[in-house]
Amino acid sequence: CITTRDGKTYYQPSVDGRFIISKDASTGTVYLQMN
């Protein structure tokens, strides 16, 4: 999860360290990079 104002991120332990969530408020897009 990500908060759109502050950009604070949250991860479950199963994906922490492998997945990265990010946002682009200008385009209204949230990304999930999965490694």
All heavy atoms as atom14 arrays in JSON, in Angstrom:
{
  "sequence": "CITTRDGKTYYQPSVDGRFIISKDASTGTVYLQMN",
  "atom14_mask": [
    [1, 1, 1, 1, 1, 1, 0, 0, 0, 0, 0, 0, 0, 0],
    [1, 1, 1, 1, 1, 1, 1, 1, 0, 0, 0, 0, 0, 0],
    [1, 1, 1, 1, 1, 1, 1, 0, 0, 0, 0, 0, 0, 0],
    [1, 1, 1, 1, 1, 1, 1, 0, 0, 0, 0, 0, 0, 0],
    [1, 1, 1, 1, 1, 1, 1, 1, 1, 1, 1, 0, 0, 0],
    [1, 1, 1, 1, 1, 1, 1, 1, 0, 0, 0, 0, 0, 0],
    [1, 1, 1, 1, 0, 0, 0, 0, 0, 0, 0, 0, 0, 0],
    [1, 1, 1, 1, 1, 1, 1, 1, 1, 0, 0, 0, 0, 0],
    [1, 1, 1, 1, 1, 1, 1, 0, 0, 0, 0, 0, 0, 0],
    [1, 1, 1, 1, 1, 1, 1, 1, 1, 1, 1, 1, 0, 0],
    [1, 1, 1, 1, 1, 1, 1, 1, 1, 1, 1, 1, 0, 0],
    [1, 1, 1, 1, 1, 1, 1, 1, 1, 0, 0, 0, 0, 0],
    [1, 1, 1, 1, 1, 1, 1, 0, 0, 0, 0, 0, 0, 0],
    [1, 1, 1, 1, 1, 1, 0, 0, 0, 0, 0, 0, 0, 0],
    [1, 1, 1, 1, 1, 1, 1, 0, 0, 0, 0, 0, 0, 0],
    [1, 1, 1, 1, 1, 1, 1, 1, 0, 0, 0, 0, 0, 0],
    [1, 1, 1, 1, 0, 0, 0, 0, 0, 0, 0, 0, 0, 0],
    [1, 1, 1, 1, 1, 1, 1, 1, 1, 1, 1, 0, 0, 0],
    [1, 1, 1, 1, 1, 1, 1, 1, 1, 1, 1, 0, 0, 0],
    [1, 1, 1, 1, 1, 1, 1, 1, 0, 0, 0, 0, 0, 0],
    [1, 1, 1, 1, 1, 1, 1, 1, 0, 0, 0, 0, 0, 0],
    [1, 1, 1, 1, 1, 1, 0, 0, 0, 0, 0, 0, 0, 0],
    [1, 1, 1, 1, 1, 1, 1, 1, 1, 0, 0, 0, 0, 0],
    [1, 1, 1, 1, 1, 1, 1, 1, 0, 0, 0, 0, 0, 0],
    [1, 1, 1, 1, 1, 0, 0, 0, 0, 0, 0, 0, 0, 0],
    [1, 1, 1, 1, 1, 1, 0, 0, 0, 0, 0, 0, 0, 0],
    [1, 1, 1, 1, 1, 1, 1, 0, 0, 0, 0, 0, 0, 0],
    [1, 1, 1, 1, 0, 0, 0, 0, 0, 0, 0, 0, 0, 0],
    [1, 1, 1, 1, 1, 1, 1, 0, 0, 0, 0, 0, 0, 0],
    [1, 1, 1, 1, 1, 1, 1, 0, 0, 0, 0, 0, 0, 0],
    [1, 1, 1, 1, 1, 1, 1, 1, 1, 1, 1, 1, 0, 0],
    [1, 1, 1, 1, 1, 1, 1, 1, 0, 0, 0, 0, 0, 0],
    [1, 1, 1, 1, 1, 1, 1, 1, 1, 0, 0, 0, 0, 0],
    [1, 1, 1, 1, 1, 1, 1, 1, 0, 0, 0, 0, 0, 0],
    [1, 1, 1, 1, 1, 1, 1, 1, 0, 0, 0, 0, 0, 0]
  ],
  "atom14_positions": [
    [[0.85, -1.19, 0.0], [0.0, 0.0, 0.0], [0.88, 1.23, 0.0], [2.02, 1.2, 0.48], [-0.91, 0.0, 1.23], [-2.29, 1.17, 1.16], [0.0, 0.0, 0.0], [0.0, 0.0, 0.0], [0.0, 0.0, 0.0], [0.0, 0.0, 0.0], [0.0, 0.0, 0.0], [0.0, 0.0, 0.0], [0.0, 0.0, 0.0], [0.0, 0.0, 0.0]],
    [[0.35, 2.33, -0.53], [1.06, 3.6, -0.53], [0.08, 4.72, -0.27], [-1.05, 4.71, -0.77], [1.82, 3.81, -1.86], [2.72, 5.05, -1.78], [0.85, 3.91, -3.04], [3.71, 5.15, -2.94], [0.0, 0.0, 0.0], [0.0, 0.0, 0.0], [0.0, 0.0, 0.0], [0.0, 0.0, 0.0], [0.0, 0.0, 0.0], [0.0, 0.0, 0.0]],
    [[0.5, 5.69, 0.52], [-0.3, 6.89, 0.73], [0.11, 7.92, -0.32], [1.3, 8.16, -0.54], [-0.12, 7.47, 2.14], [1.26, 7.82, 2.36], [-0.55, 6.45, 3.18], [0.0, 0.0, 0.0], [0.0, 0.0, 0.0], [0.0, 0.0, 0.0], [0.0, 0.0, 0.0], [0.0, 0.0, 0.0], [0.0, 0.0, 0.0], [0.0, 0.0, 0.0]],
    [[-0.86, 8.53, -0.97], [-0.57, 9.35, -2.14], [-0.02, 10.72, -1.8], [0.65, 11.34, -2.64], [-1.81, 9.5, -3.01], [-2.87, 10.1, -2.24], [-2.27, 8.15, -3.52], [0.0, 0.0, 0.0], [0.0, 0.0, 0.0], [0.0, 0.0, 0.0], [0.0, 0.0, 0.0], [0.0, 0.0, 0.0], [0.0, 0.0, 0.0], [0.0, 0.0, 0.0]],
    [[-0.27, 11.24, -0.61], [0.26, 12.55, -0.23], [1.7, 12.45, 0.28], [2.58, 13.18, -0.2], [-0.62, 13.2, 0.84], [-0.18, 14.62, 1.21], [-0.93, 15.14, 2.42], [-0.59, 14.39, 3.62], [-1.14, 14.57, 4.81], [-2.09, 15.5, 4.96], [-0.76, 13.84, 5.85], [0.0, 0.0, 0.0], [0.0, 0.0, 0.0], [0.0, 0.0, 0.0]],
    [[1.93, 11.57, 1.23], [3.23, 11.47, 1.87], [4.14, 10.42, 1.25], [5.35, 10.41, 1.51], [3.07, 11.16, 3.36], [2.31, 12.24, 4.11], [2.4, 13.41, 3.7], [1.64, 11.92, 5.1], [0.0, 0.0, 0.0], [0.0, 0.0, 0.0], [0.0, 0.0, 0.0], [0.0, 0.0, 0.0], [0.0, 0.0, 0.0], [0.0, 0.0, 0.0]],
    [[3.58, 9.54, 0.45], [4.37, 8.49, -0.17], [4.85, 7.42, 0.8], [5.85, 6.75, 0.53], [0.0, 0.0, 0.0], [0.0, 0.0, 0.0], [0.0, 0.0, 0.0], [0.0, 0.0, 0.0], [0.0, 0.0, 0.0], [0.0, 0.0, 0.0], [0.0, 0.0, 0.0], [0.0, 0.0, 0.0], [0.0, 0.0, 0.0], [0.0, 0.0, 0.0]],
    [[4.17, 7.26, 1.92], [4.54, 6.23, 2.87], [4.11, 4.87, 2.34], [3.01, 4.71, 1.84], [3.88, 6.5, 4.23], [4.38, 5.61, 5.34], [3.84, 6.06, 6.69], [4.4, 5.21, 7.82], [3.9, 5.67, 9.14], [0.0, 0.0, 0.0], [0.0, 0.0, 0.0], [0.0, 0.0, 0.0], [0.0, 0.0, 0.0], [0.0, 0.0, 0.0]],
    [[5.0, 3.9, 2.46], [4.76, 2.58, 1.87], [4.63, 1.51, 2.94], [5.2, 1.61, 4.03], [5.87, 2.2, 0.9], [7.13, 2.21, 1.58], [5.92, 3.18, -0.26], [0.0, 0.0, 0.0], [0.0, 0.0, 0.0], [0.0, 0.0, 0.0], [0.0, 0.0, 0.0], [0.0, 0.0, 0.0], [0.0, 0.0, 0.0], [0.0, 0.0, 0.0]],
    [[3.89, 0.46, 2.59], [3.65, -0.67, 3.47], [3.79, -1.95, 2.66], [3.4, -2.01, 1.5], [2.25, -0.61, 4.07], [1.97, 0.65, 4.87], [1.63, 1.84, 4.23], [2.03, 0.64, 6.26], [1.38, 2.99, 4.96], [1.78, 1.79, 6.99], [1.45, 2.96, 6.34], [1.2, 4.09, 7.07], [0.0, 0.0, 0.0], [0.0, 0.0, 0.0]],
    [[4.35, -3.0, 3.31], [4.55, -4.28, 2.65], [4.25, -5.42, 3.61], [4.59, -5.36, 4.79], [5.98, -4.43, 2.15], [6.42, -3.39, 1.15], [7.1, -2.26, 1.56], [6.15, -3.55, -0.2], [7.5, -1.29, 0.65], [6.55, -2.6, -1.13], [7.22, -1.47, -0.69], [7.62, -0.53, -1.6], [0.0, 0.0, 0.0], [0.0, 0.0, 0.0]],
    [[3.64, -6.47, 3.08], [3.53, -7.69, 3.84], [4.88, -8.41, 3.84], [5.65, -8.29, 2.88], [2.46, -8.6, 3.25], [1.04, -8.08, 3.42], [0.5, -8.29, 4.81], [1.13, -7.89, 5.81], [-0.65, -8.91, 4.93], [0.0, 0.0, 0.0], [0.0, 0.0, 0.0], [0.0, 0.0, 0.0], [0.0, 0.0, 0.0], [0.0, 0.0, 0.0]],
    [[5.19, -9.17, 4.89], [6.5, -9.84, 4.96], [6.8, -10.73, 3.76], [7.96, -10.87, 3.37], [6.41, -10.65, 6.26], [5.44, -9.89, 7.1], [4.42, -9.35, 6.13], [0.0, 0.0, 0.0], [0.0, 0.0, 0.0], [0.0, 0.0, 0.0], [0.0, 0.0, 0.0], [0.0, 0.0, 0.0], [0.0, 0.0, 0.0], [0.0, 0.0, 0.0]],
    [[5.78, -11.32, 3.16], [6.0, -12.24, 2.05], [6.59, -11.56, 0.82], [7.2, -12.23, -0.02], [4.7, -12.95, 1.68], [3.71, -12.02, 1.26], [0.0, 0.0, 0.0], [0.0, 0.0, 0.0], [0.0, 0.0, 0.0], [0.0, 0.0, 0.0], [0.0, 0.0, 0.0], [0.0, 0.0, 0.0], [0.0, 0.0, 0.0], [0.0, 0.0, 0.0]],
    [[6.41, -10.24, 0.69], [6.91, -9.53, -0.48], [7.94, -8.47, -0.11], [8.59, -7.92, -1.01], [5.76, -8.88, -1.29], [4.72, -9.92, -1.66], [5.13, -7.73, -0.51], [0.0, 0.0, 0.0], [0.0, 0.0, 0.0], [0.0, 0.0, 0.0], [0.0, 0.0, 0.0], [0.0, 0.0, 0.0], [0.0, 0.0, 0.0], [0.0, 0.0, 0.0]],
    [[8.1, -8.17, 1.15], [9.04, -7.15, 1.6], [10.46, -7.52, 1.15], [10.92, -8.62, 1.39], [8.98, -7.0, 3.11], [9.64, -5.72, 3.61], [10.01, -4.88, 2.78], [9.77, -5.57, 4.83], [0.0, 0.0, 0.0], [0.0, 0.0, 0.0], [0.0, 0.0, 0.0], [0.0, 0.0, 0.0], [0.0, 0.0, 0.0], [0.0, 0.0, 0.0]],
    [[11.12, -6.57, 0.49], [12.45, -6.82, -0.04], [12.45, -7.29, -1.48], [13.5, -7.27, -2.13], [0.0, 0.0, 0.0], [0.0, 0.0, 0.0], [0.0, 0.0, 0.0], [0.0, 0.0, 0.0], [0.0, 0.0, 0.0], [0.0, 0.0, 0.0], [0.0, 0.0, 0.0], [0.0, 0.0, 0.0], [0.0, 0.0, 0.0], [0.0, 0.0, 0.0]],
    [[11.3, -7.72, -1.99], [11.19, -8.16, -3.38], [10.34, -7.21, -4.22], [10.63, -6.99, -5.4], [10.59, -9.56, -3.48], [11.43, -10.66, -2.86], [10.89, -12.03, -3.26], [9.52, -12.23, -2.8], [8.53, -12.66, -3.56], [8.74, -12.94, -4.84], [7.31, -12.84, -3.05], [0.0, 0.0, 0.0], [0.0, 0.0, 0.0], [0.0, 0.0, 0.0]],
    [[9.27, -6.68, -3.64], [8.34, -5.81, -4.35], [8.53, -4.37, -3.89], [8.84, -4.11, -2.73], [6.89, -6.23, -4.09], [6.48, -7.55, -4.68], [7.4, -8.41, -5.26], [5.15, -7.93, -4.63], [7.02, -9.63, -5.8], [4.75, -9.15, -5.17], [5.68, -10.0, -5.75], [0.0, 0.0, 0.0], [0.0, 0.0, 0.0], [0.0, 0.0, 0.0]],
    [[8.31, -3.44, -4.81], [8.42, -2.02, -4.52], [7.19, -1.31, -5.08], [6.91, -1.41, -6.27], [9.69, -1.4, -5.11], [10.94, -2.12, -4.6], [9.75, 0.09, -4.77], [12.21, -1.71, -5.32], [0.0, 0.0, 0.0], [0.0, 0.0, 0.0], [0.0, 0.0, 0.0], [0.0, 0.0, 0.0], [0.0, 0.0, 0.0], [0.0, 0.0, 0.0]],
    [[6.48, -0.58, -4.22], [5.33, 0.19, -4.66], [5.75, 1.64, -4.83], [6.55, 2.17, -4.06], [4.15, 0.05, -3.67], [2.87, 0.65, -4.26], [4.48, 0.67, -2.32], [1.62, 0.33, -3.44], [0.0, 0.0, 0.0], [0.0, 0.0, 0.0], [0.0, 0.0, 0.0], [0.0, 0.0, 0.0], [0.0, 0.0, 0.0], [0.0, 0.0, 0.0]],
    [[5.22, 2.3, -5.85], [5.53, 3.7, -6.1], [4.34, 4.37, -6.76], [3.37, 3.7, -7.16], [6.78, 3.84, -6.98], [6.59, 3.25, -8.25], [0.0, 0.0, 0.0], [0.0, 0.0, 0.0], [0.0, 0.0, 0.0], [0.0, 0.0, 0.0], [0.0, 0.0, 0.0], [0.0, 0.0, 0.0], [0.0, 0.0, 0.0], [0.0, 0.0, 0.0]],
    [[4.4, 5.68, -6.88], [3.28, 6.42, -7.44], [3.74, 7.56, -8.32], [4.86, 8.06, -8.19], [2.4, 6.98, -6.31], [3.1, 8.02, -5.44], [2.19, 8.55, -4.35], [2.9, 9.58, -3.47], [3.18, 10.83, -4.22], [0.0, 0.0, 0.0], [0.0, 0.0, 0.0], [0.0, 0.0, 0.0], [0.0, 0.0, 0.0], [0.0, 0.0, 0.0]],
    [[2.88, 7.96, -9.23], [3.07, 9.15, -10.05], [1.74, 9.9, -9.99], [0.81, 9.61, -10.76], [3.44, 8.78, -11.48], [3.76, 10.0, -12.33], [3.44, 11.13, -11.92], [4.33, 9.82, -13.42], [0.0, 0.0, 0.0], [0.0, 0.0, 0.0], [0.0, 0.0, 0.0], [0.0, 0.0, 0.0], [0.0, 0.0, 0.0], [0.0, 0.0, 0.0]],
    [[1.66, 10.86, -9.09], [0.4, 11.57, -8.88], [-0.03, 12.36, -10.1], [-1.22, 12.57, -10.33], [0.52, 12.49, -7.66], [0.0, 0.0, 0.0], [0.0, 0.0, 0.0], [0.0, 0.0, 0.0], [0.0, 0.0, 0.0], [0.0, 0.0, 0.0], [0.0, 0.0, 0.0], [0.0, 0.0, 0.0], [0.0, 0.0, 0.0], [0.0, 0.0, 0.0]],
    [[0.94, 12.82, -10.9], [0.61, 13.63, -12.07], [-0.18, 12.85, -13.1], [-0.96, 13.44, -13.85], [1.88, 14.21, -12.69], [2.69, 13.19, -13.25], [0.0, 0.0, 0.0], [0.0, 0.0, 0.0], [0.0, 0.0, 0.0], [0.0, 0.0, 0.0], [0.0, 0.0, 0.0], [0.0, 0.0, 0.0], [0.0, 0.0, 0.0], [0.0, 0.0, 0.0]],
    [[0.01, 11.55, -13.15], [-0.72, 10.71, -14.08], [-1.76, 9.83, -13.41], [-2.47, 9.08, -14.09], [0.24, 9.81, -14.88], [0.94, 8.94, -13.99], [1.24, 10.66, -15.65], [0.0, 0.0, 0.0], [0.0, 0.0, 0.0], [0.0, 0.0, 0.0], [0.0, 0.0, 0.0], [0.0, 0.0, 0.0], [0.0, 0.0, 0.0], [0.0, 0.0, 0.0]],
    [[-1.86, 9.92, -12.09], [-2.81, 9.09, -11.36], [-2.5, 7.62, -11.47], [-3.42, 6.8, -11.55], [0.0, 0.0, 0.0], [0.0, 0.0, 0.0], [0.0, 0.0, 0.0], [0.0, 0.0, 0.0], [0.0, 0.0, 0.0], [0.0, 0.0, 0.0], [0.0, 0.0, 0.0], [0.0, 0.0, 0.0], [0.0, 0.0, 0.0], [0.0, 0.0, 0.0]],
    [[-1.22, 7.28, -11.43], [-0.8, 5.9, -11.61], [0.0, 5.41, -10.41], [0.87, 6.13, -9.9], [0.06, 5.74, -12.88], [-0.67, 6.25, -14.01], [0.39, 4.28, -13.13], [0.0, 0.0, 0.0], [0.0, 0.0, 0.0], [0.0, 0.0, 0.0], [0.0, 0.0, 0.0], [0.0, 0.0, 0.0], [0.0, 0.0, 0.0], [0.0, 0.0, 0.0]],
    [[-0.29, 4.22, -9.96], [0.48, 3.54, -8.92], [1.09, 2.29, -9.52], [0.42, 1.54, -10.24], [-0.4, 3.2, -7.71], [0.38, 2.37, -6.7], [-0.9, 4.48, -7.05], [0.0, 0.0, 0.0], [0.0, 0.0, 0.0], [0.0, 0.0, 0.0], [0.0, 0.0, 0.0], [0.0, 0.0, 0.0], [0.0, 0.0, 0.0], [0.0, 0.0, 0.0]],
    [[2.37, 2.07, -9.23], [3.1, 0.95, -9.79], [3.46, -0.06, -8.72], [3.61, 0.27, -7.54], [4.39, 1.43, -10.46], [4.18, 2.44, -11.55], [4.31, 3.8, -11.3], [3.85, 2.04, -12.84], [4.11, 4.74, -12.3], [3.66, 2.97, -13.85], [3.79, 4.32, -13.57], [3.61, 5.24, -14.58], [0.0, 0.0, 0.0], [0.0, 0.0, 0.0]],
    [[3.62, -1.31, -9.14], [4.15, -2.35, -8.28], [5.25, -3.06, -9.05], [4.98, -3.81, -9.99], [3.07, -3.34, -7.85], [3.53, -4.4, -6.85], [3.84, -3.75, -5.5], [2.48, -5.49, -6.68], [0.0, 0.0, 0.0], [0.0, 0.0, 0.0], [0.0, 0.0, 0.0], [0.0, 0.0, 0.0], [0.0, 0.0, 0.0], [0.0, 0.0, 0.0]],
    [[6.5, -2.79, -8.67], [7.65, -3.48, -9.25], [7.84, -4.78, -8.5], [8.06, -4.78, -7.29], [8.9, -2.61, -9.15], [10.16, -3.27, -9.67], [10.13, -3.5, -11.16], [9.73, -2.62, -11.91], [10.54, -4.69, -11.6], [0.0, 0.0, 0.0], [0.0, 0.0, 0.0], [0.0, 0.0, 0.0], [0.0, 0.0, 0.0], [0.0, 0.0, 0.0]],
    [[7.77, -5.9, -9.21], [7.87, -7.21, -8.61], [9.15, -7.88, -9.11], [9.32, -8.1, -10.3], [6.65, -8.06, -8.96], [5.32, -7.41, -8.6], [3.9, -8.52, -8.82], [3.97, -8.76, -10.6], [0.0, 0.0, 0.0], [0.0, 0.0, 0.0], [0.0, 0.0, 0.0], [0.0, 0.0, 0.0], [0.0, 0.0, 0.0], [0.0, 0.0, 0.0]],
    [[10.04, -8.21, -8.16], [11.31, -8.82, -8.48], [11.42, -10.21, -7.86], [10.72, -10.54, -6.9], [12.46, -7.95, -7.96], [12.46, -6.57, -8.56], [12.3, -6.41, -9.77], [12.66, -5.55, -7.72], [0.0, 0.0, 0.0], [0.0, 0.0, 0.0], [0.0, 0.0, 0.0], [0.0, 0.0, 0.0], [0.0, 0.0, 0.0], [0.0, 0.0, 0.0]]
  ]
}
